[in-house]
Amino acid sequence: MMAQEENKKANMWAMLCHLTALSTYIGIPFGHIIAPLVIWLIKKDEFPFVDEQGKESLNFQISMTIYGIAAWILCFILIGFVLLPVVLVADIVFIIIATVKTNKGEAYRYPFTIRFIK
């Protein structure tokens, strides 16, 4: 019974590593990186699943920030006006998928992610 309770806690914290990345969309500057970073730093030693998924979330958010900046720069040659919405929608969709999967206890690997944190 205790192991099952621990797994639920690990799943919840891992889910929050992904879900809090949406905080930037409610107006919190750099919330997409800061919120998952705080959760990961606090819970990574307690739960290996949170360590794994926290790194995954951070790597994806850093990658998406880079892609977003590149798309914004490309707005000066017009192609960015197409790319920027694609980057934003992909970010939201993949965050939601990761949130649902980790809440079920399944590890999620984001596509298009540069692995900065190993």
C-alpha atoms as a PDB file:
ATOM      1  CA  MET A   1       0.000   0.000   0.000  1.00  0.00           C
ATOM      2  CA  MET A   2       2.839   2.418   0.821  1.00  0.00           C
ATOM      3  CA  ALA A   3       4.600   1.757  -2.502  1.00  0.00           C
ATOM      4  CA  GLN A   4       1.403   2.532  -4.381  1.00  0.00           C
ATOM      5  CA  GLU A   5       1.025   5.794  -2.446  1.00  0.00           C
ATOM      6  CA  GLU A   6       4.645   6.717  -3.240  1.00  0.00           C
ATOM      7  CA  ASN A   7       4.035   6.015  -6.941  1.00  0.00           C
ATOM      8  CA  LYS A   8       0.984   8.291  -6.901  1.00  0.00           C
ATOM      9  CA  LYS A   9       3.036  11.076  -5.331  1.00  0.00           C
ATOM     10  CA  ALA A  10       5.840  10.599  -7.854  1.00  0.00           C
ATOM     11  CA  ASN A  11       3.334  10.654 -10.724  1.00  0.00           C
ATOM     12  CA  MET A  12       1.731  13.822  -9.382  1.00  0.00           C
ATOM     13  CA  TRP A  13       5.033  15.685  -9.019  1.00  0.00           C
ATOM     14  CA  ALA A  14       6.219  14.493 -12.445  1.00  0.00           C
ATOM     15  CA  MET A  15       2.907  15.618 -13.931  1.00  0.00           C
ATOM     16  CA  LEU A  16       3.344  19.038 -12.310  1.00  0.00           C
ATOM     17  CA  CYS A  17       6.820  19.348 -13.866  1.00  0.00           C
ATOM     18  CA  HIS A  18       5.094  19.245 -17.241  1.00  0.00           C
ATOM     19  CA  LEU A  19       1.863  21.065 -16.398  1.00  0.00           C
ATOM     20  CA  THR A  20       3.510  24.088 -14.781  1.00  0.00           C
ATOM     21  CA  ALA A  21       5.261  24.790 -18.084  1.00  0.00           C
ATOM     22  CA  LEU A  22       1.926  26.243 -19.199  1.00  0.00           C
ATOM     23  CA  SER A  23       2.331  29.015 -16.611  1.00  0.00           C
ATOM     24  CA  THR A  24       3.998  31.221 -19.203  1.00  0.00           C
ATOM     25  CA  TYR A  25       0.695  31.317 -21.090  1.00  0.00           C
ATOM     26  CA  ILE A  26      -1.066  32.915 -18.116  1.00  0.00           C
ATOM     27  CA  GLY A  27       1.426  35.752 -18.026  1.00  0.00           C
ATOM     28  CA  ILE A  28       4.253  34.522 -15.816  1.00  0.00           C
ATOM     29  CA  PRO A  29       7.489  35.514 -17.560  1.00  0.00           C
ATOM     30  CA  PHE A  30       9.805  32.512 -17.961  1.00  0.00           C
ATOM     31  CA  GLY A  31       7.303  30.440 -15.955  1.00  0.00           C
ATOM     32  CA  HIS A  32       7.662  27.659 -18.502  1.00  0.00           C
ATOM     33  CA  ILE A  33      11.232  27.140 -17.305  1.00  0.00           C
ATOM     34  CA  ILE A  34      11.213  28.405 -13.709  1.00  0.00           C
ATOM     35  CA  ALA A  35       8.190  26.422 -12.450  1.00  0.00           C
ATOM     36  CA  PRO A  36       9.362  22.991 -13.712  1.00  0.00           C
ATOM     37  CA  LEU A  37      12.897  23.825 -12.535  1.00  0.00           C
ATOM     38  CA  VAL A  38      11.736  24.547  -8.982  1.00  0.00           C
ATOM     39  CA  ILE A  39       9.688  21.329  -8.783  1.00  0.00           C
ATOM     40  CA  TRP A  40      12.517  19.278 -10.264  1.00  0.00           C
ATOM     41  CA  LEU A  41      15.127  20.725  -7.902  1.00  0.00           C
ATOM     42  CA  ILE A  42      12.949  20.130  -4.832  1.00  0.00           C
ATOM     43  CA  LYS A  43      11.718  16.602  -5.672  1.00  0.00           C
ATOM     44  CA  LYS A  44      14.418  15.029  -7.883  1.00  0.00           C
ATOM     45  CA  ASP A  45      16.238  13.326  -5.010  1.00  0.00           C
ATOM     46  CA  GLU A  46      13.016  12.014  -3.484  1.00  0.00           C
ATOM     47  CA  PHE A  47      11.528  10.469  -6.639  1.00  0.00           C
ATOM     48  CA  PRO A  48      13.599   9.086  -9.560  1.00  0.00           C
ATOM     49  CA  PHE A  49      10.558   9.441 -11.863  1.00  0.00           C
ATOM     50  CA  VAL A  50      10.389  13.173 -11.076  1.00  0.00           C
ATOM     51  CA  ASP A  51      14.123  13.474 -11.763  1.00  0.00           C
ATOM     52  CA  GLU A  52      13.685  11.885 -15.187  1.00  0.00           C
ATOM     53  CA  GLN A  53      10.528  13.780 -16.173  1.00  0.00           C
ATOM     54  CA  GLY A  54      11.730  17.084 -14.723  1.00  0.00           C
ATOM     55  CA  LYS A  55      14.820  16.958 -16.924  1.00  0.00           C
ATOM     56  CA  GLU A  56      12.634  16.032 -19.876  1.00  0.00           C
ATOM     57  CA  SER A  57      10.316  18.978 -19.250  1.00  0.00           C
ATOM     58  CA  LEU A  58      13.180  21.439 -18.799  1.00  0.00           C
ATOM     59  CA  ASN A  59      15.000  20.253 -21.912  1.00  0.00           C
ATOM     60  CA  PHE A  60      11.816  20.600 -23.964  1.00  0.00           C
ATOM     61  CA  GLN A  61      11.018  24.066 -22.640  1.00  0.00           C
ATOM     62  CA  ILE A  62      14.557  25.306 -23.263  1.00  0.00           C
ATOM     63  CA  SER A  63      14.397  23.835 -26.783  1.00  0.00           C
ATOM     64  CA  MET A  64      11.008  25.441 -27.458  1.00  0.00           C
ATOM     65  CA  THR A  65      12.327  28.789 -26.227  1.00  0.00           C
ATOM     66  CA  ILE A  66      15.168  28.557 -28.735  1.00  0.00           C
ATOM     67  CA  TYR A  67      12.761  27.547 -31.523  1.00  0.00           C
ATOM     68  CA  GLY A  68      10.418  30.401 -30.571  1.00  0.00           C
ATOM     69  CA  ILE A  69      13.224  32.960 -30.660  1.00  0.00           C
ATOM     70  CA  ALA A  70      14.364  31.635 -34.047  1.00  0.00           C
ATOM     71  CA  ALA A  71      10.783  31.837 -35.384  1.00  0.00           C
ATOM     72  CA  TRP A  72      10.435  35.374 -34.017  1.00  0.00           C
ATOM     73  CA  ILE A  73      13.660  36.416 -35.767  1.00  0.00           C
ATOM     74  CA  LEU A  74      12.384  34.817 -38.971  1.00  0.00           C
ATOM     75  CA  CYS A  75       9.331  37.080 -38.799  1.00  0.00           C
ATOM     76  CA  PHE A  76      11.579  39.729 -40.356  1.00  0.00           C
ATOM     77  CA  ILE A  77      11.638  37.636 -43.532  1.00  0.00           C
ATOM     78  CA  LEU A  78       7.953  36.696 -43.151  1.00  0.00           C
ATOM     79  CA  ILE A  79       8.358  32.915 -42.705  1.00  0.00           C
ATOM     80  CA  GLY A  80       8.327  33.373 -38.942  1.00  0.00           C
ATOM     81  CA  PHE A  81       4.679  34.434 -39.062  1.00  0.00           C
ATOM     82  CA  VAL A  82       3.902  30.835 -40.046  1.00  0.00           C
ATOM     83  CA  LEU A  83       6.479  29.162 -37.801  1.00  0.00           C
ATOM     84  CA  LEU A  84       5.753  31.020 -34.565  1.00  0.00           C
ATOM     85  CA  PRO A  85       2.140  29.816 -34.207  1.00  0.00           C
ATOM     86  CA  VAL A  86       3.253  26.278 -35.078  1.00  0.00           C
ATOM     87  CA  VAL A  87       5.877  26.381 -32.312  1.00  0.00           C
ATOM     88  CA  LEU A  88       3.360  27.731 -29.779  1.00  0.00           C
ATOM     89  CA  VAL A  89       0.656  25.178 -30.627  1.00  0.00           C
ATOM     90  CA  ALA A  90       3.167  22.307 -30.619  1.00  0.00           C
ATOM     91  CA  ASP A  91       4.404  23.436 -27.194  1.00  0.00           C
ATOM     92  CA  ILE A  92       0.899  23.399 -25.715  1.00  0.00           C
ATOM     93  CA  VAL A  93      -0.104  20.099 -27.326  1.00  0.00           C
ATOM     94  CA  PHE A  94       3.044  18.245 -26.261  1.00  0.00           C
ATOM     95  CA  ILE A  95       2.797  19.619 -22.711  1.00  0.00           C
ATOM     96  CA  ILE A  96      -0.766  18.325 -22.423  1.00  0.00           C
ATOM     97  CA  ILE A  97       0.213  14.901 -23.782  1.00  0.00           C
ATOM     98  CA  ALA A  98       3.164  14.703 -21.351  1.00  0.00           C
ATOM     99  CA  THR A  99       0.957  15.767 -18.438  1.00  0.00           C
ATOM    100  CA  VAL A 100      -1.611  13.047 -19.126  1.00  0.00           C
ATOM    101  CA  LYS A 101       1.001  10.326 -19.686  1.00  0.00           C
ATOM    102  CA  THR A 102       3.014  11.078 -16.557  1.00  0.00           C
ATOM    103  CA  ASN A 103      -0.118  11.280 -14.437  1.00  0.00           C
ATOM    104  CA  LYS A 104      -0.714   7.656 -15.485  1.00  0.00           C
ATOM    105  CA  GLY A 105       2.860   6.783 -14.492  1.00  0.00           C
ATOM    106  CA  GLU A 106       4.170   6.526 -18.057  1.00  0.00           C
ATOM    107  CA  ALA A 107       7.482   8.164 -18.918  1.00  0.00           C
ATOM    108  CA  TYR A 108       7.186  10.668 -21.758  1.00  0.00           C
ATOM    109  CA  ARG A 109       9.883  11.758 -24.191  1.00  0.00           C
ATOM    110  CA  TYR A 110       9.180  14.979 -26.066  1.00  0.00           C
ATOM    111  CA  PRO A 111       9.972  15.063 -29.774  1.00  0.00           C
ATOM    112  CA  PHE A 112      12.261  17.779 -31.212  1.00  0.00           C
ATOM    113  CA  THR A 113      14.081  18.159 -27.894  1.00  0.00           C
ATOM    114  CA  ILE A 114      17.715  19.113 -27.475  1.00  0.00           C
ATOM    115  CA  ARG A 115      19.018  17.259 -24.411  1.00  0.00           C
ATOM    116  CA  PHE A 116      20.818  20.004 -22.480  1.00  0.00           C
ATOM    117  CA  ILE A 117      20.376  18.390 -19.051  1.00  0.00           C
ATOM    118  CA  LYS A 118      21.456  14.750 -19.000  1.00  0.00           C
END
